[in-house]
C-alpha atoms as a PDB file:
ATOM      1  CA  MET A   1      -7.415   7.586   7.786  1.00  0.00           C
ATOM      2  CA  ARG A   2      -7.804   6.036   4.341  1.00  0.00           C
ATOM      3  CA  VAL A   3      -4.843   6.587   1.993  1.00  0.00           C
ATOM      4  CA  TYR A   4      -5.033   6.474  -1.813  1.00  0.00           C
ATOM      5  CA  LEU A   5      -1.702   6.195  -3.681  1.00  0.00           C
ATOM      6  CA  ASP A   6      -2.037   7.213  -7.325  1.00  0.00           C
ATOM      7  CA  ASP A   7      -0.456   9.616  -9.800  1.00  0.00           C
ATOM      8  CA  GLU A   8      -3.396  10.070 -12.201  1.00  0.00           C
ATOM      9  CA  ARG A   9      -6.741   8.956 -10.831  1.00  0.00           C
ATOM     10  CA  PRO A  10      -8.697  11.422  -8.706  1.00  0.00           C
ATOM     11  CA  THR A  11      -8.662  10.701  -4.983  1.00  0.00           C
ATOM     12  CA  PRO A  12     -12.030   9.286  -3.881  1.00  0.00           C
ATOM     13  CA  GLU A  13     -14.038  11.287  -1.370  1.00  0.00           C
ATOM     14  CA  GLY A  14     -13.085  10.411   2.178  1.00  0.00           C
ATOM     15  CA  TRP A  15      -9.536   9.390   1.267  1.00  0.00           C
ATOM     16  CA  VAL A  16      -6.201  11.186   1.623  1.00  0.00           C
ATOM     17  CA  GLY A  17      -4.378  11.268  -1.726  1.00  0.00           C
ATOM     18  CA  VAL A  18      -0.627  10.776  -2.065  1.00  0.00           C
ATOM     19  CA  HIS A  19       1.510  10.494  -5.191  1.00  0.00           C
ATOM     20  CA  TRP A  20       4.699   8.774  -4.000  1.00  0.00           C
ATOM     21  CA  PRO A  21       5.530   5.711  -1.895  1.00  0.00           C
ATOM     22  CA  GLU A  22       7.494   7.751   0.660  1.00  0.00           C
ATOM     23  CA  GLU A  23       4.381   9.827   1.354  1.00  0.00           C
ATOM     24  CA  ALA A  24       2.321   6.688   1.935  1.00  0.00           C
ATOM     25  CA  VAL A  25       4.992   5.187   4.184  1.00  0.00           C
ATOM     26  CA  SER A  26       5.197   8.396   6.210  1.00  0.00           C
ATOM     27  CA  LEU A  27       1.462   8.219   6.876  1.00  0.00           C
ATOM     28  CA  LEU A  28       1.683   4.499   7.701  1.00  0.00           C
ATOM     29  CA  GLU A  29       4.453   5.221  10.199  1.00  0.00           C
ATOM     30  CA  GLY A  30       2.122   7.681  11.937  1.00  0.00           C
ATOM     31  CA  GLY A  31      -0.139   4.773  12.881  1.00  0.00           C
ATOM     32  CA  GLN A  32      -3.426   6.395  11.839  1.00  0.00           C
ATOM     33  CA  VAL A  33      -3.965   4.577   8.517  1.00  0.00           C
ATOM     34  CA  THR A  34      -6.905   2.161   8.631  1.00  0.00           C
ATOM     35  CA  GLU A  35      -6.988   1.365   4.912  1.00  0.00           C
ATOM     36  CA  ILE A  36      -4.675   1.923   1.952  1.00  0.00           C
ATOM     37  CA  SER A  37      -5.373   1.552  -1.774  1.00  0.00           C
ATOM     38  CA  LEU A  38      -2.387   1.305  -4.084  1.00  0.00           C
ATOM     39  CA  ASP A  39      -1.641   1.912  -7.732  1.00  0.00           C
ATOM     40  CA  HIS A  40       1.583   0.342  -9.030  1.00  0.00           C
ATOM     41  CA  ASP A  41       2.819   2.566 -11.852  1.00  0.00           C
ATOM     42  CA  LEU A  42       3.312   6.093 -10.535  1.00  0.00           C
ATOM     43  CA  GLY A  43       5.062   7.775 -13.450  1.00  0.00           C
ATOM     44  CA  ASP A  44       8.653   7.645 -12.167  1.00  0.00           C
ATOM     45  CA  ASP A  45       9.946   4.211 -11.161  1.00  0.00           C
ATOM     46  CA  ARG A  46      13.052   5.836  -9.663  1.00  0.00           C
ATOM     47  CA  ARG A  47      10.765   7.304  -6.989  1.00  0.00           C
ATOM     48  CA  GLY A  48       9.134   3.937  -6.448  1.00  0.00           C
ATOM     49  CA  THR A  49       5.959   2.005  -7.134  1.00  0.00           C
ATOM     50  CA  GLY A  50       2.987   0.808  -5.165  1.00  0.00           C
ATOM     51  CA  TYR A  51       4.811  -2.471  -4.645  1.00  0.00           C
ATOM     52  CA  ASP A  52       7.421  -0.599  -2.595  1.00  0.00           C
ATOM     53  CA  VAL A  53       4.691   0.229  -0.076  1.00  0.00           C
ATOM     54  CA  ILE A  54       3.721  -3.459   0.108  1.00  0.00           C
ATOM     55  CA  ALA A  55       7.380  -4.371   0.688  1.00  0.00           C
ATOM     56  CA  TRP A  56       7.669  -1.736   3.437  1.00  0.00           C
ATOM     57  CA  ILE A  57       4.544  -3.046   5.195  1.00  0.00           C
ATOM     58  CA  GLU A  58       5.796  -6.632   4.981  1.00  0.00           C
ATOM     59  CA  GLU A  59       9.177  -5.686   6.435  1.00  0.00           C
ATOM     60  CA  ALA A  60       7.541  -3.612   9.193  1.00  0.00           C
ATOM     61  CA  VAL A  61       5.307  -6.549  10.148  1.00  0.00           C
ATOM     62  CA  VAL A  62       8.279  -8.912  10.398  1.00  0.00           C
ATOM     63  CA  LEU A  63      10.808  -6.615  12.063  1.00  0.00           C
ATOM     64  CA  ARG A  64       8.650  -4.358  14.222  1.00  0.00           C
ATOM     65  CA  GLY A  65       5.343  -6.139  14.714  1.00  0.00           C
ATOM     66  CA  PHE A  66       3.569  -3.461  12.662  1.00  0.00           C
ATOM     67  CA  SER A  67      -0.191  -3.942  12.531  1.00  0.00           C
ATOM     68  CA  PRO A  68      -1.127  -3.535   8.851  1.00  0.00           C
ATOM     69  CA  PRO A  69      -4.170  -1.626   7.681  1.00  0.00           C
ATOM     70  CA  GLY A  70      -6.644  -2.985   5.164  1.00  0.00           C
ATOM     71  CA  ILE A  71      -4.808  -3.107   1.838  1.00  0.00           C
ATOM     72  CA  ARG A  72      -6.267  -3.046  -1.654  1.00  0.00           C
ATOM     73  CA  VAL A  73      -4.802  -2.687  -5.130  1.00  0.00           C
ATOM     74  CA  HIS A  74      -6.378  -0.555  -7.850  1.00  0.00           C
ATOM     75  CA  SER A  75      -3.572  -0.880 -10.413  1.00  0.00           C
ATOM     76  CA  ALA A  76      -4.480  -1.567 -14.051  1.00  0.00           C
ATOM     77  CA  ASN A  77      -1.115  -3.332 -14.590  1.00  0.00           C
ATOM     78  CA  PRO A  78      -2.020  -7.061 -14.480  1.00  0.00           C
ATOM     79  CA  SER A  79       1.415  -8.496 -13.656  1.00  0.00           C
ATOM     80  CA  ALA A  80       2.088  -5.818 -11.048  1.00  0.00           C
ATOM     81  CA  ARG A  81      -1.343  -6.424  -9.529  1.00  0.00           C
ATOM     82  CA  ASP A  82      -0.549 -10.142  -9.207  1.00  0.00           C
ATOM     83  CA  ARG A  83       2.780  -9.377  -7.513  1.00  0.00           C
ATOM     84  CA  MET A  84       1.148  -6.895  -5.147  1.00  0.00           C
ATOM     85  CA  GLU A  85      -1.672  -9.333  -4.297  1.00  0.00           C
ATOM     86  CA  ALA A  86       0.960 -11.990  -3.488  1.00  0.00           C
ATOM     87  CA  GLY A  87       2.644  -9.486  -1.171  1.00  0.00           C
ATOM     88  CA  ILE A  88      -0.680  -8.765   0.540  1.00  0.00           C
ATOM     89  CA  ALA A  89      -1.216 -12.501   1.046  1.00  0.00           C
ATOM     90  CA  ALA A  90       2.235 -12.773   2.630  1.00  0.00           C
ATOM     91  CA  ILE A  91       1.447  -9.856   4.940  1.00  0.00           C
ATOM     92  CA  ALA A  92      -1.789 -11.565   5.952  1.00  0.00           C
ATOM     93  CA  ARG A  93       0.050 -14.797   6.759  1.00  0.00           C
ATOM     94  CA  LEU A  94       2.796 -13.015   8.691  1.00  0.00           C
ATOM     95  CA  SER A  95       0.474 -10.783  10.684  1.00  0.00           C
ATOM     96  CA  GLY A  96      -2.298 -13.313  11.236  1.00  0.00           C
ATOM     97  CA  MET A  97      -4.759 -10.642  10.101  1.00  0.00           C
ATOM     98  CA  GLN A  98      -7.180 -10.219   7.256  1.00  0.00           C
ATOM     99  CA  VAL A  99      -5.638  -7.277   5.362  1.00  0.00           C
ATOM    100  CA  GLY A 100      -7.293  -7.445   1.941  1.00  0.00           C
ATOM    101  CA  GLY A 101      -9.682  -4.746   0.769  1.00  0.00           C
END
């Protein structure tokens, strides 16, 4: 399953669209996600951002040996994109896998 986290952009064909980090994490926990594409700014920072999904994946890799899916960022926020890309690089180092999209 390919998961697309975004609050405004239309979900691309062949992807499952979600609007909030907890929805993305729930799908990741199910173990069927092969690729995830993340926006950062989701309209309500109290409900989380795309970076929260990166942080969850990183923690799951370290604490539970989670095997991360391919991860890409489609955020238009330059500083958030940089932070998310750094998180993806850390996940790649920790998991020993190529996780970029």
